[in-house]
Amino acid sequence: MFYRYSCPACEADLESHPPTLKKTPWYRLHISDRFICPHCGAEIQKRFTIFDGGMAFGLMVLAGSSGFIGIWRLSKYIIPLLGILFALRILAGRLFPVYVRVQK
């Protein structure tokens, strides 16, 4: 069994028994998928889902603020580089998922 298929709380095998999706009320903001471990009931999620959202938010703030205009010469090189890094990070998160505990 690989480390990435184990529950971080009880270290049970999640490959043969996949976790179930946690139900959220309709009125709450849905940021990332959260799962419930079938063995111990711990709340877990896949790694880097919040990091991807934070990186996308940072790019949006940079592109929509006056800071983008102030560094226009550098941004011609920085924005495509950050876009490539963002795409590579999403690809790595899809290929190598790891479950971590939800921090409340």
PDB file of N, CA and C in Angstrom:
ATOM      1  N   MET A   1       0.839  -1.174   0.000  1.00  0.00           N
ATOM      2  CA  MET A   1       0.000   0.000   0.000  1.00  0.00           C
ATOM      3  C   MET A   1       0.889   1.243   0.000  1.00  0.00           C
ATOM      4  N   PHE A   2       0.545   2.189  -0.829  1.00  0.00           N
ATOM      5  CA  PHE A   2       1.285   3.430  -0.894  1.00  0.00           C
ATOM      6  C   PHE A   2       0.820   4.390   0.192  1.00  0.00           C
ATOM      7  N   TYR A   3       1.685   5.291   0.563  1.00  0.00           N
ATOM      8  CA  TYR A   3       1.363   6.293   1.585  1.00  0.00           C
ATOM      9  C   TYR A   3       0.213   7.184   1.133  1.00  0.00           C
ATOM     10  N   ARG A   4       0.138   7.489  -0.146  1.00  0.00           N
ATOM     11  CA  ARG A   4      -0.878   8.423  -0.615  1.00  0.00           C
ATOM     12  C   ARG A   4      -2.282   7.845  -0.585  1.00  0.00           C
ATOM     13  N   TYR A   5      -2.417   6.528  -0.439  1.00  0.00           N
ATOM     14  CA  TYR A   5      -3.734   5.909  -0.356  1.00  0.00           C
ATOM     15  C   TYR A   5      -4.134   5.568   1.066  1.00  0.00           C
ATOM     16  N   SER A   6      -3.442   6.117   2.055  1.00  0.00           N
ATOM     17  CA  SER A   6      -3.771   5.790   3.442  1.00  0.00           C
ATOM     18  C   SER A   6      -4.421   6.983   4.133  1.00  0.00           C
ATOM     19  N   CYS A   7      -5.241   6.675   5.115  1.00  0.00           N
ATOM     20  CA  CYS A   7      -5.898   7.711   5.909  1.00  0.00           C
ATOM     21  C   CYS A   7      -4.858   8.333   6.841  1.00  0.00           C
ATOM     22  N   PRO A   8      -4.801   9.666   6.941  1.00  0.00           N
ATOM     23  CA  PRO A   8      -3.810  10.277   7.832  1.00  0.00           C
ATOM     24  C   PRO A   8      -4.107  10.065   9.308  1.00  0.00           C
ATOM     25  N   ALA A   9      -5.349   9.754   9.655  1.00  0.00           N
ATOM     26  CA  ALA A   9      -5.691   9.576  11.064  1.00  0.00           C
ATOM     27  C   ALA A   9      -5.445   8.144  11.538  1.00  0.00           C
ATOM     28  N   CYS A  10      -5.963   7.172  10.795  1.00  0.00           N
ATOM     29  CA  CYS A  10      -5.861   5.781  11.249  1.00  0.00           C
ATOM     30  C   CYS A  10      -4.959   4.925  10.371  1.00  0.00           C
ATOM     31  N   GLU A  11      -4.424   5.480   9.296  1.00  0.00           N
ATOM     32  CA  GLU A  11      -3.539   4.811   8.352  1.00  0.00           C
ATOM     33  C   GLU A  11      -4.169   3.568   7.729  1.00  0.00           C
ATOM     34  N   ALA A  12      -5.485   3.589   7.541  1.00  0.00           N
ATOM     35  CA  ALA A  12      -6.182   2.489   6.882  1.00  0.00           C
ATOM     36  C   ALA A  12      -6.089   2.667   5.367  1.00  0.00           C
ATOM     37  N   ASP A  13      -6.301   1.582   4.642  1.00  0.00           N
ATOM     38  CA  ASP A  13      -6.195   1.587   3.186  1.00  0.00           C
ATOM     39  C   ASP A  13      -7.439   2.237   2.582  1.00  0.00           C
ATOM     40  N   LEU A  14      -7.247   3.350   1.859  1.00  0.00           N
ATOM     41  CA  LEU A  14      -8.360   4.035   1.201  1.00  0.00           C
ATOM     42  C   LEU A  14      -8.470   3.674  -0.274  1.00  0.00           C
ATOM     43  N   GLU A  15      -7.541   2.872  -0.790  1.00  0.00           N
ATOM     44  CA  GLU A  15      -7.626   2.468  -2.192  1.00  0.00           C
ATOM     45  C   GLU A  15      -8.701   1.400  -2.373  1.00  0.00           C
ATOM     46  N   SER A  16      -8.755   0.441  -1.476  1.00  0.00           N
ATOM     47  CA  SER A  16      -9.760  -0.612  -1.585  1.00  0.00           C
ATOM     48  C   SER A  16     -11.117  -0.175  -1.029  1.00  0.00           C
ATOM     49  N   HIS A  17     -11.113   0.732  -0.062  1.00  0.00           N
ATOM     50  CA  HIS A  17     -12.352   1.288   0.503  1.00  0.00           C
ATOM     51  C   HIS A  17     -12.303   2.803   0.363  1.00  0.00           C
ATOM     52  N   PRO A  18     -12.758   3.359  -0.769  1.00  0.00           N
ATOM     53  CA  PRO A  18     -12.653   4.813  -0.972  1.00  0.00           C
ATOM     54  C   PRO A  18     -13.510   5.592   0.024  1.00  0.00           C
ATOM     55  N   PRO A  19     -13.054   6.775   0.400  1.00  0.00           N
ATOM     56  CA  PRO A  19     -13.826   7.596   1.338  1.00  0.00           C
ATOM     57  C   PRO A  19     -15.077   8.157   0.682  1.00  0.00           C
ATOM     58  N   THR A  20     -16.065   8.459   1.507  1.00  0.00           N
ATOM     59  CA  THR A  20     -17.319   9.018   0.997  1.00  0.00           C
ATOM     60  C   THR A  20     -17.274  10.538   1.077  1.00  0.00           C
ATOM     61  N   LEU A  21     -17.969  11.180   0.181  1.00  0.00           N
ATOM     62  CA  LEU A  21     -18.020  12.639   0.130  1.00  0.00           C
ATOM     63  C   LEU A  21     -18.868  13.167   1.278  1.00  0.00           C
ATOM     64  N   LYS A  22     -18.373  14.178   1.972  1.00  0.00           N
ATOM     65  CA  LYS A  22     -19.111  14.767   3.089  1.00  0.00           C
ATOM     66  C   LYS A  22     -20.204  15.671   2.546  1.00  0.00           C
ATOM     67  N   LYS A  23     -21.375  15.550   3.101  1.00  0.00           N
ATOM     68  CA  LYS A  23     -22.498  16.383   2.677  1.00  0.00           C
ATOM     69  C   LYS A  23     -22.379  17.757   3.318  1.00  0.00           C
ATOM     70  N   THR A  24     -22.585  18.789   2.505  1.00  0.00           N
ATOM     71  CA  THR A  24     -22.560  20.160   3.010  1.00  0.00           C
ATOM     72  C   THR A  24     -23.929  20.782   2.799  1.00  0.00           C
ATOM     73  N   PRO A  25     -24.364  21.637   3.714  1.00  0.00           N
ATOM     74  CA  PRO A  25     -25.646  22.311   3.520  1.00  0.00           C
ATOM     75  C   PRO A  25     -25.625  23.192   2.268  1.00  0.00           C
ATOM     76  N   TRP A  26     -26.771  23.394   1.674  1.00  0.00           N
ATOM     77  CA  TRP A  26     -26.859  24.135   0.418  1.00  0.00           C
ATOM     78  C   TRP A  26     -26.469  25.598   0.578  1.00  0.00           C
ATOM     79  N   TYR A  27     -26.559  26.144   1.774  1.00  0.00           N
ATOM     80  CA  TYR A  27     -26.301  27.566   1.981  1.00  0.00           C
ATOM     81  C   TYR A  27     -24.833  27.866   2.310  1.00  0.00           C
ATOM     82  N   ARG A  28     -23.997  26.877   2.427  1.00  0.00           N
ATOM     83  CA  ARG A  28     -22.585  27.103   2.731  1.00  0.00           C
ATOM     84  C   ARG A  28     -21.768  27.175   1.454  1.00  0.00           C
ATOM     85  N   LEU A  29     -20.703  27.970   1.513  1.00  0.00           N
ATOM     86  CA  LEU A  29     -19.796  28.095   0.390  1.00  0.00           C
ATOM     87  C   LEU A  29     -18.956  26.827   0.266  1.00  0.00           C
ATOM     88  N   HIS A  30     -18.936  26.237  -0.921  1.00  0.00           N
ATOM     89  CA  HIS A  30     -18.215  24.985  -1.158  1.00  0.00           C
ATOM     90  C   HIS A  30     -16.849  25.321  -1.733  1.00  0.00           C
ATOM     91  N   ILE A  31     -15.787  25.184  -0.934  1.00  0.00           N
ATOM     92  CA  ILE A  31     -14.438  25.535  -1.368  1.00  0.00           C
ATOM     93  C   ILE A  31     -13.724  24.314  -1.948  1.00  0.00           C
ATOM     94  N   SER A  32     -13.698  23.232  -1.242  1.00  0.00           N
ATOM     95  CA  SER A  32     -13.032  22.031  -1.729  1.00  0.00           C
ATOM     96  C   SER A  32     -13.801  20.811  -1.242  1.00  0.00           C
ATOM     97  N   ASP A  33     -13.598  19.703  -1.939  1.00  0.00           N
ATOM     98  CA  ASP A  33     -14.269  18.462  -1.561  1.00  0.00           C
ATOM     99  C   ASP A  33     -13.670  17.915  -0.280  1.00  0.00           C
ATOM    100  N   ARG A  34     -14.533  17.588   0.639  1.00  0.00           N
ATOM    101  CA  ARG A  34     -14.110  16.968   1.893  1.00  0.00           C
ATOM    102  C   ARG A  34     -14.716  15.580   1.957  1.00  0.00           C
ATOM    103  N   PHE A  35     -13.937  14.643   2.472  1.00  0.00           N
ATOM    104  CA  PHE A  35     -14.351  13.255   2.518  1.00  0.00           C
ATOM    105  C   PHE A  35     -14.378  12.763   3.957  1.00  0.00           C
ATOM    106  N   ILE A  36     -15.092  11.670   4.173  1.00  0.00           N
ATOM    107  CA  ILE A  36     -15.157  11.006   5.476  1.00  0.00           C
ATOM    108  C   ILE A  36     -14.507   9.637   5.324  1.00  0.00           C
ATOM    109  N   CYS A  37     -13.546   9.343   6.201  1.00  0.00           N
ATOM    110  CA  CYS A  37     -12.869   8.046   6.177  1.00  0.00           C
ATOM    111  C   CYS A  37     -13.871   6.957   6.580  1.00  0.00           C
ATOM    112  N   PRO A  38     -13.977   5.867   5.807  1.00  0.00           N
ATOM    113  CA  PRO A  38     -14.930   4.813   6.168  1.00  0.00           C
ATOM    114  C   PRO A  38     -14.503   3.996   7.382  1.00  0.00           C
ATOM    115  N   HIS A  39     -13.245   4.081   7.779  1.00  0.00           N
ATOM    116  CA  HIS A  39     -12.748   3.284   8.897  1.00  0.00           C
ATOM    117  C   HIS A  39     -12.871   4.010  10.237  1.00  0.00           C
ATOM    118  N   CYS A  40     -12.404   5.266  10.285  1.00  0.00           N
ATOM    119  CA  CYS A  40     -12.385   5.963  11.576  1.00  0.00           C
ATOM    120  C   CYS A  40     -13.333   7.162  11.627  1.00  0.00           C
ATOM    121  N   GLY A  41     -13.856   7.605  10.492  1.00  0.00           N
ATOM    122  CA  GLY A  41     -14.785   8.727  10.471  1.00  0.00           C
ATOM    123  C   GLY A  41     -14.119  10.091  10.483  1.00  0.00           C
ATOM    124  N   ALA A  42     -12.813  10.147  10.263  1.00  0.00           N
ATOM    125  CA  ALA A  42     -12.108  11.429  10.249  1.00  0.00           C
ATOM    126  C   ALA A  42     -12.443  12.201   8.975  1.00  0.00           C
ATOM    127  N   GLU A  43     -12.418  13.507   9.080  1.00  0.00           N
ATOM    128  CA  GLU A  43     -12.687  14.361   7.936  1.00  0.00           C
ATOM    129  C   GLU A  43     -11.363  14.634   7.220  1.00  0.00           C
ATOM    130  N   ILE A  44     -11.283  14.251   5.945  1.00  0.00           N
ATOM    131  CA  ILE A  44     -10.046  14.379   5.183  1.00  0.00           C
ATOM    132  C   ILE A  44     -10.323  15.082   3.860  1.00  0.00           C
ATOM    133  N   GLN A  45      -9.274  15.554   3.222  1.00  0.00           N
ATOM    134  CA  GLN A  45      -9.384  16.141   1.891  1.00  0.00           C
ATOM    135  C   GLN A  45      -8.101  15.868   1.128  1.00  0.00           C
ATOM    136  N   LYS A  46      -8.146  16.077  -0.178  1.00  0.00           N
ATOM    137  CA  LYS A  46      -6.944  15.862  -0.985  1.00  0.00           C
ATOM    138  C   LYS A  46      -6.022  17.054  -0.842  1.00  0.00           C
ATOM    139  N   ARG A  47      -4.732  16.797  -0.839  1.00  0.00           N
ATOM    140  CA  ARG A  47      -3.721  17.834  -0.640  1.00  0.00           C
ATOM    141  C   ARG A  47      -3.699  18.800  -1.809  1.00  0.00           C
ATOM    142  N   PHE A  48      -3.360  20.041  -1.522  1.00  0.00           N
ATOM    143  CA  PHE A  48      -3.132  21.125  -2.463  1.00  0.00           C
ATOM    144  C   PHE A  48      -4.401  21.701  -3.079  1.00  0.00           C
ATOM    145  N   THR A  49      -5.590  21.305  -2.661  1.00  0.00           N
ATOM    146  CA  THR A  49      -6.783  21.903  -3.247  1.00  0.00           C
ATOM    147  C   THR A  49      -6.925  23.351  -2.817  1.00  0.00           C
ATOM    148  N   ILE A  50      -6.606  23.678  -1.588  1.00  0.00           N
ATOM    149  CA  ILE A  50      -6.699  25.062  -1.131  1.00  0.00           C
ATOM    150  C   ILE A  50      -5.538  25.874  -1.680  1.00  0.00           C
ATOM    151  N   PHE A  51      -4.366  25.257  -1.849  1.00  0.00           N
ATOM    152  CA  PHE A  51      -3.221  25.956  -2.420  1.00  0.00           C
ATOM    153  C   PHE A  51      -3.533  26.407  -3.845  1.00  0.00           C
ATOM    154  N   ASP A  52      -4.191  25.571  -4.632  1.00  0.00           N
ATOM    155  CA  ASP A  52      -4.560  25.951  -5.997  1.00  0.00           C
ATOM    156  C   ASP A  52      -5.508  27.138  -5.985  1.00  0.00           C
ATOM    157  N   GLY A  53      -6.483  27.132  -5.091  1.00  0.00           N
ATOM    158  CA  GLY A  53      -7.411  28.255  -4.990  1.00  0.00           C
ATOM    159  C   GLY A  53      -6.712  29.529  -4.557  1.00  0.00           C
ATOM    160  N   GLY A  54      -5.773  29.416  -3.635  1.00  0.00           N
ATOM    161  CA  GLY A  54      -5.008  30.588  -3.189  1.00  0.00           C
ATOM    162  C   GLY A  54      -4.137  31.152  -4.284  1.00  0.00           C
ATOM    163  N   MET A  55      -3.549  30.282  -5.066  1.00  0.00           N
ATOM    164  CA  MET A  55      -2.705  30.742  -6.161  1.00  0.00           C
ATOM    165  C   MET A  55      -3.542  31.423  -7.244  1.00  0.00           C
ATOM    166  N   ALA A  56      -4.708  30.869  -7.549  1.00  0.00           N
ATOM    167  CA  ALA A  56      -5.595  31.490  -8.539  1.00  0.00           C
ATOM    168  C   ALA A  56      -6.099  32.843  -8.039  1.00  0.00           C
ATOM    169  N   PHE A  57      -6.399  32.938  -6.744  1.00  0.00           N
ATOM    170  CA  PHE A  57      -6.845  34.212  -6.172  1.00  0.00           C
ATOM    171  C   PHE A  57      -5.734  35.254  -6.236  1.00  0.00           C
ATOM    172  N   GLY A  58      -4.507  34.839  -5.975  1.00  0.00           N
ATOM    173  CA  GLY A  58      -3.376  35.761  -6.065  1.00  0.00           C
ATOM    174  C   GLY A  58      -3.167  36.283  -7.474  1.00  0.00           C
ATOM    175  N   LEU A  59      -3.287  35.398  -8.463  1.00  0.00           N
ATOM    176  CA  LEU A  59      -3.174  35.837  -9.853  1.00  0.00           C
ATOM    177  C   LEU A  59      -4.292  36.806 -10.226  1.00  0.00           C
ATOM    178  N   MET A  60      -5.498  36.536  -9.734  1.00  0.00           N
ATOM    179  CA  MET A  60      -6.626  37.403 -10.023  1.00  0.00           C
ATOM    180  C   MET A  60      -6.426  38.790  -9.394  1.00  0.00           C
ATOM    181  N   VAL A  61      -5.938  38.832  -8.176  1.00  0.00           N
ATOM    182  CA  VAL A  61      -5.683  40.108  -7.510  1.00  0.00           C
ATOM    183  C   VAL A  61      -4.587  40.887  -8.223  1.00  0.00           C
ATOM    184  N   LEU A  62      -3.533  40.190  -8.627  1.00  0.00           N
ATOM    185  CA  LEU A  62      -2.445  40.848  -9.340  1.00  0.00           C
ATOM    186  C   LEU A  62      -2.914  41.399 -10.678  1.00  0.00           C
ATOM    187  N   ALA A  63      -3.710  40.621 -11.408  1.00  0.00           N
ATOM    188  CA  ALA A  63      -4.181  41.066 -12.711  1.00  0.00           C
ATOM    189  C   ALA A  63      -5.212  42.179 -12.602  1.00  0.00           C
ATOM    190  N   GLY A  64      -5.962  42.237 -11.525  1.00  0.00           N
ATOM    191  CA  GLY A  64      -7.014  43.234 -11.391  1.00  0.00           C
ATOM    192  C   GLY A  64      -6.623  44.460 -10.598  1.00  0.00           C
ATOM    193  N   SER A  65      -5.401  44.539 -10.135  1.00  0.00           N
ATOM    194  CA  SER A  65      -5.008  45.669  -9.297  1.00  0.00           C
ATOM    195  C   SER A  65      -4.075  46.606 -10.052  1.00  0.00           C
ATOM    196  N   SER A  66      -3.767  47.705  -9.440  1.00  0.00           N
ATOM    197  CA  SER A  66      -2.843  48.653 -10.050  1.00  0.00           C
ATOM    198  C   SER A  66      -1.405  48.144  -9.993  1.00  0.00           C
ATOM    199  N   GLY A  67      -1.160  47.127  -9.177  1.00  0.00           N
ATOM    200  CA  GLY A  67       0.171  46.523  -9.141  1.00  0.00           C
ATOM    201  C   GLY A  67       0.528  45.875 -10.457  1.00  0.00           C
ATOM    202  N   PHE A  68      -0.483  45.382 -11.156  1.00  0.00           N
ATOM    203  CA  PHE A  68      -0.254  44.789 -12.473  1.00  0.00           C
ATOM    204  C   PHE A  68       0.226  45.841 -13.465  1.00  0.00           C
ATOM    205  N   ILE A  69      -0.353  47.042 -13.395  1.00  0.00           N
ATOM    206  CA  ILE A  69       0.042  48.123 -14.301  1.00  0.00           C
ATOM    207  C   ILE A  69       1.426  48.643 -13.928  1.00  0.00           C
ATOM    208  N   GLY A  70       1.728  48.674 -12.635  1.00  0.00           N
ATOM    209  CA  GLY A  70       3.018  49.187 -12.175  1.00  0.00           C
ATOM    210  C   GLY A  70       4.195  48.316 -12.580  1.00  0.00           C
ATOM    211  N   ILE A  71       3.973  47.025 -12.732  1.00  0.00           N
ATOM    212  CA  ILE A  71       5.072  46.136 -13.099  1.00  0.00           C
ATOM    213  C   ILE A  71       4.824  45.533 -14.486  1.00  0.00           C
ATOM    214  N   TRP A  72       4.298  46.333 -15.395  1.00  0.00           N
ATOM    215  CA  TRP A  72       3.890  45.832 -16.708  1.00  0.00           C
ATOM    216  C   TRP A  72       5.043  45.156 -17.445  1.00  0.00           C
ATOM    217  N   ARG A  73       6.226  45.728 -17.411  1.00  0.00           N
ATOM    218  CA  ARG A  73       7.351  45.133 -18.135  1.00  0.00           C
ATOM    219  C   ARG A  73       7.721  43.761 -17.578  1.00  0.00           C
ATOM    220  N   LEU A  74       7.706  43.649 -16.270  1.00  0.00           N
ATOM    221  CA  LEU A  74       8.007  42.347 -15.665  1.00  0.00           C
ATOM    222  C   LEU A  74       6.850  41.362 -15.801  1.00  0.00           C
ATOM    223  N   SER A  75       5.638  41.880 -15.799  1.00  0.00           N
ATOM    224  CA  SER A  75       4.488  40.983 -15.834  1.00  0.00           C
ATOM    225  C   SER A  75       4.352  40.260 -17.164  1.00  0.00           C
ATOM    226  N   LYS A  76       4.947  40.778 -18.223  1.00  0.00           N
ATOM    227  CA  LYS A  76       4.918  40.065 -19.500  1.00  0.00           C
ATOM    228  C   LYS A  76       5.635  38.728 -19.382  1.00  0.00           C
ATOM    229  N   TYR A  77       6.547  38.611 -18.453  1.00  0.00           N
ATOM    230  CA  TYR A  77       7.283  37.365 -18.246  1.00  0.00           C
ATOM    231  C   TYR A  77       6.787  36.599 -17.024  1.00  0.00           C
ATOM    232  N   ILE A  78       6.354  37.319 -16.007  1.00  0.00           N
ATOM    233  CA  ILE A  78       5.936  36.678 -14.756  1.00  0.00           C
ATOM    234  C   ILE A  78       4.587  35.987 -14.893  1.00  0.00           C
ATOM    235  N   ILE A  79       3.611  36.640 -15.512  1.00  0.00           N
ATOM    236  CA  ILE A  79       2.265  36.071 -15.612  1.00  0.00           C
ATOM    237  C   ILE A  79       2.269  34.753 -16.395  1.00  0.00           C
ATOM    238  N   PRO A  80       2.906  34.652 -17.572  1.00  0.00           N
ATOM    239  CA  PRO A  80       2.935  33.341 -18.241  1.00  0.00           C
ATOM    240  C   PRO A  80       3.684  32.276 -17.429  1.00  0.00           C
ATOM    241  N   LEU A  81       4.753  32.673 -16.745  1.00  0.00           N
ATOM    242  CA  LEU A  81       5.486  31.725 -15.913  1.00  0.00           C
ATOM    243  C   LEU A  81       4.615  31.214 -14.774  1.00  0.00           C
ATOM    244  N   LEU A  82       3.881  32.115 -14.116  1.00  0.00           N
ATOM    245  CA  LEU A  82       2.982  31.699 -13.043  1.00  0.00           C
ATOM    246  C   LEU A  82       1.848  30.832 -13.578  1.00  0.00           C
ATOM    247  N   GLY A  83       1.368  31.129 -14.771  1.00  0.00           N
ATOM    248  CA  GLY A  83       0.337  30.293 -15.381  1.00  0.00           C
ATOM    249  C   GLY A  83       0.830  28.887 -15.656  1.00  0.00           C
ATOM    250  N   ILE A  84       2.062  28.766 -16.137  1.00  0.00           N
ATOM    251  CA  ILE A  84       2.647  27.443 -16.385  1.00  0.00           C
ATOM    252  C   ILE A  84       2.850  26.698 -15.065  1.00  0.00           C
ATOM    253  N   LEU A  85       3.349  27.394 -14.049  1.00  0.00           N
ATOM    254  CA  LEU A  85       3.526  26.754 -12.736  1.00  0.00           C
ATOM    255  C   LEU A  85       2.199  26.317 -12.139  1.00  0.00           C
ATOM    256  N   PHE A  86       1.167  27.126 -12.316  1.00  0.00           N
ATOM    257  CA  PHE A  86      -0.164  26.791 -11.827  1.00  0.00           C
ATOM    258  C   PHE A  86      -0.699  25.542 -12.531  1.00  0.00           C
ATOM    259  N   ALA A  87      -0.516  25.457 -13.860  1.00  0.00           N
ATOM    260  CA  ALA A  87      -0.970  24.288 -14.612  1.00  0.00           C
ATOM    261  C   ALA A  87      -0.195  23.034 -14.203  1.00  0.00           C
ATOM    262  N   LEU A  88       1.114  23.163 -13.995  1.00  0.00           N
ATOM    263  CA  LEU A  88       1.910  22.015 -13.553  1.00  0.00           C
ATOM    264  C   LEU A  88       1.498  21.555 -12.158  1.00  0.00           C
ATOM    265  N   ARG A  89       1.169  22.509 -11.275  1.00  0.00           N
ATOM    266  CA  ARG A  89       0.741  22.166  -9.923  1.00  0.00           C
ATOM    267  C   ARG A  89      -0.586  21.414  -9.938  1.00  0.00           C
ATOM    268  N   ILE A  90      -1.518  21.835 -10.802  1.00  0.00           N
ATOM    269  CA  ILE A  90      -2.795  21.126 -10.918  1.00  0.00           C
ATOM    270  C   ILE A  90      -2.571  19.719 -11.459  1.00  0.00           C
ATOM    271  N   LEU A  91      -1.702  19.595 -12.450  1.00  0.00           N
ATOM    272  CA  LEU A  91      -1.407  18.284 -13.024  1.00  0.00           C
ATOM    273  C   LEU A  91      -0.770  17.358 -11.985  1.00  0.00           C
ATOM    274  N   ALA A  92       0.159  17.871 -11.209  1.00  0.00           N
ATOM    275  CA  ALA A  92       0.785  17.056 -10.157  1.00  0.00           C
ATOM    276  C   ALA A  92      -0.232  16.664  -9.097  1.00  0.00           C
ATOM    277  N   GLY A  93      -1.154  17.558  -8.759  1.00  0.00           N
ATOM    278  CA  GLY A  93      -2.195  17.234  -7.785  1.00  0.00           C
ATOM    279  C   GLY A  93      -3.153  16.174  -8.285  1.00  0.00           C
ATOM    280  N   ARG A  94      -3.394  16.133  -9.600  1.00  0.00           N
ATOM    281  CA  ARG A  94      -4.274  15.110 -10.174  1.00  0.00           C
ATOM    282  C   ARG A  94      -3.581  13.747 -10.249  1.00  0.00           C
ATOM    283  N   LEU A  95      -2.287  13.753 -10.546  1.00  0.00           N
ATOM    284  CA  LEU A  95      -1.570  12.489 -10.708  1.00  0.00           C
ATOM    285  C   LEU A  95      -1.122  11.868  -9.392  1.00  0.00           C
ATOM    286  N   PHE A  96      -0.784  12.695  -8.410  1.00  0.00           N
ATOM    287  CA  PHE A  96      -0.255  12.196  -7.139  1.00  0.00           C
ATOM    288  C   PHE A  96      -1.066  12.725  -5.960  1.00  0.00           C
ATOM    289  N   PRO A  97      -2.335  12.321  -5.823  1.00  0.00           N
ATOM    290  CA  PRO A  97      -3.129  12.839  -4.705  1.00  0.00           C
ATOM    291  C   PRO A  97      -2.712  12.228  -3.372  1.00  0.00           C
ATOM    292  N   VAL A  98      -2.758  13.031  -2.339  1.00  0.00           N
ATOM    293  CA  VAL A  98      -2.457  12.572  -0.984  1.00  0.00           C
ATOM    294  C   VAL A  98      -3.556  13.112  -0.077  1.00  0.00           C
ATOM    295  N   TYR A  99      -4.078  12.264   0.776  1.00  0.00           N
ATOM    296  CA  TYR A  99      -5.118  12.692   1.704  1.00  0.00           C
ATOM    297  C   TYR A  99      -4.491  13.284   2.952  1.00  0.00           C
ATOM    298  N   VAL A 100      -5.035  14.395   3.422  1.00  0.00           N
ATOM    299  CA  VAL A 100      -4.602  15.036   4.661  1.00  0.00           C
ATOM    300  C   VAL A 100      -5.822  15.344   5.510  1.00  0.00           C
ATOM    301  N   ARG A 101      -5.612  15.541   6.804  1.00  0.00           N
ATOM    302  CA  ARG A 101      -6.727  15.896   7.699  1.00  0.00           C
ATOM    303  C   ARG A 101      -7.151  17.326   7.474  1.00  0.00           C
ATOM    304  N   VAL A 102      -8.419  17.589   7.656  1.00  0.00           N
ATOM    305  CA  VAL A 102      -8.961  18.933   7.517  1.00  0.00           C
ATOM    306  C   VAL A 102      -8.629  19.722   8.776  1.00  0.00           C
ATOM    307  N   GLN A 103      -8.079  20.918   8.588  1.00  0.00           N
ATOM    308  CA  GLN A 103      -7.785  21.767   9.726  1.00  0.00           C
ATOM    309  C   GLN A 103      -8.975  22.677   9.965  1.00  0.00           C
ATOM    310  N   LYS A 104      -9.498  22.612  11.170  1.00  0.00           N
ATOM    311  CA  LYS A 104     -10.691  23.416  11.493  1.00  0.00           C
ATOM    312  C   LYS A 104     -10.299  24.644  12.272  1.00  0.00           C
TER     313      LYS A 104
END
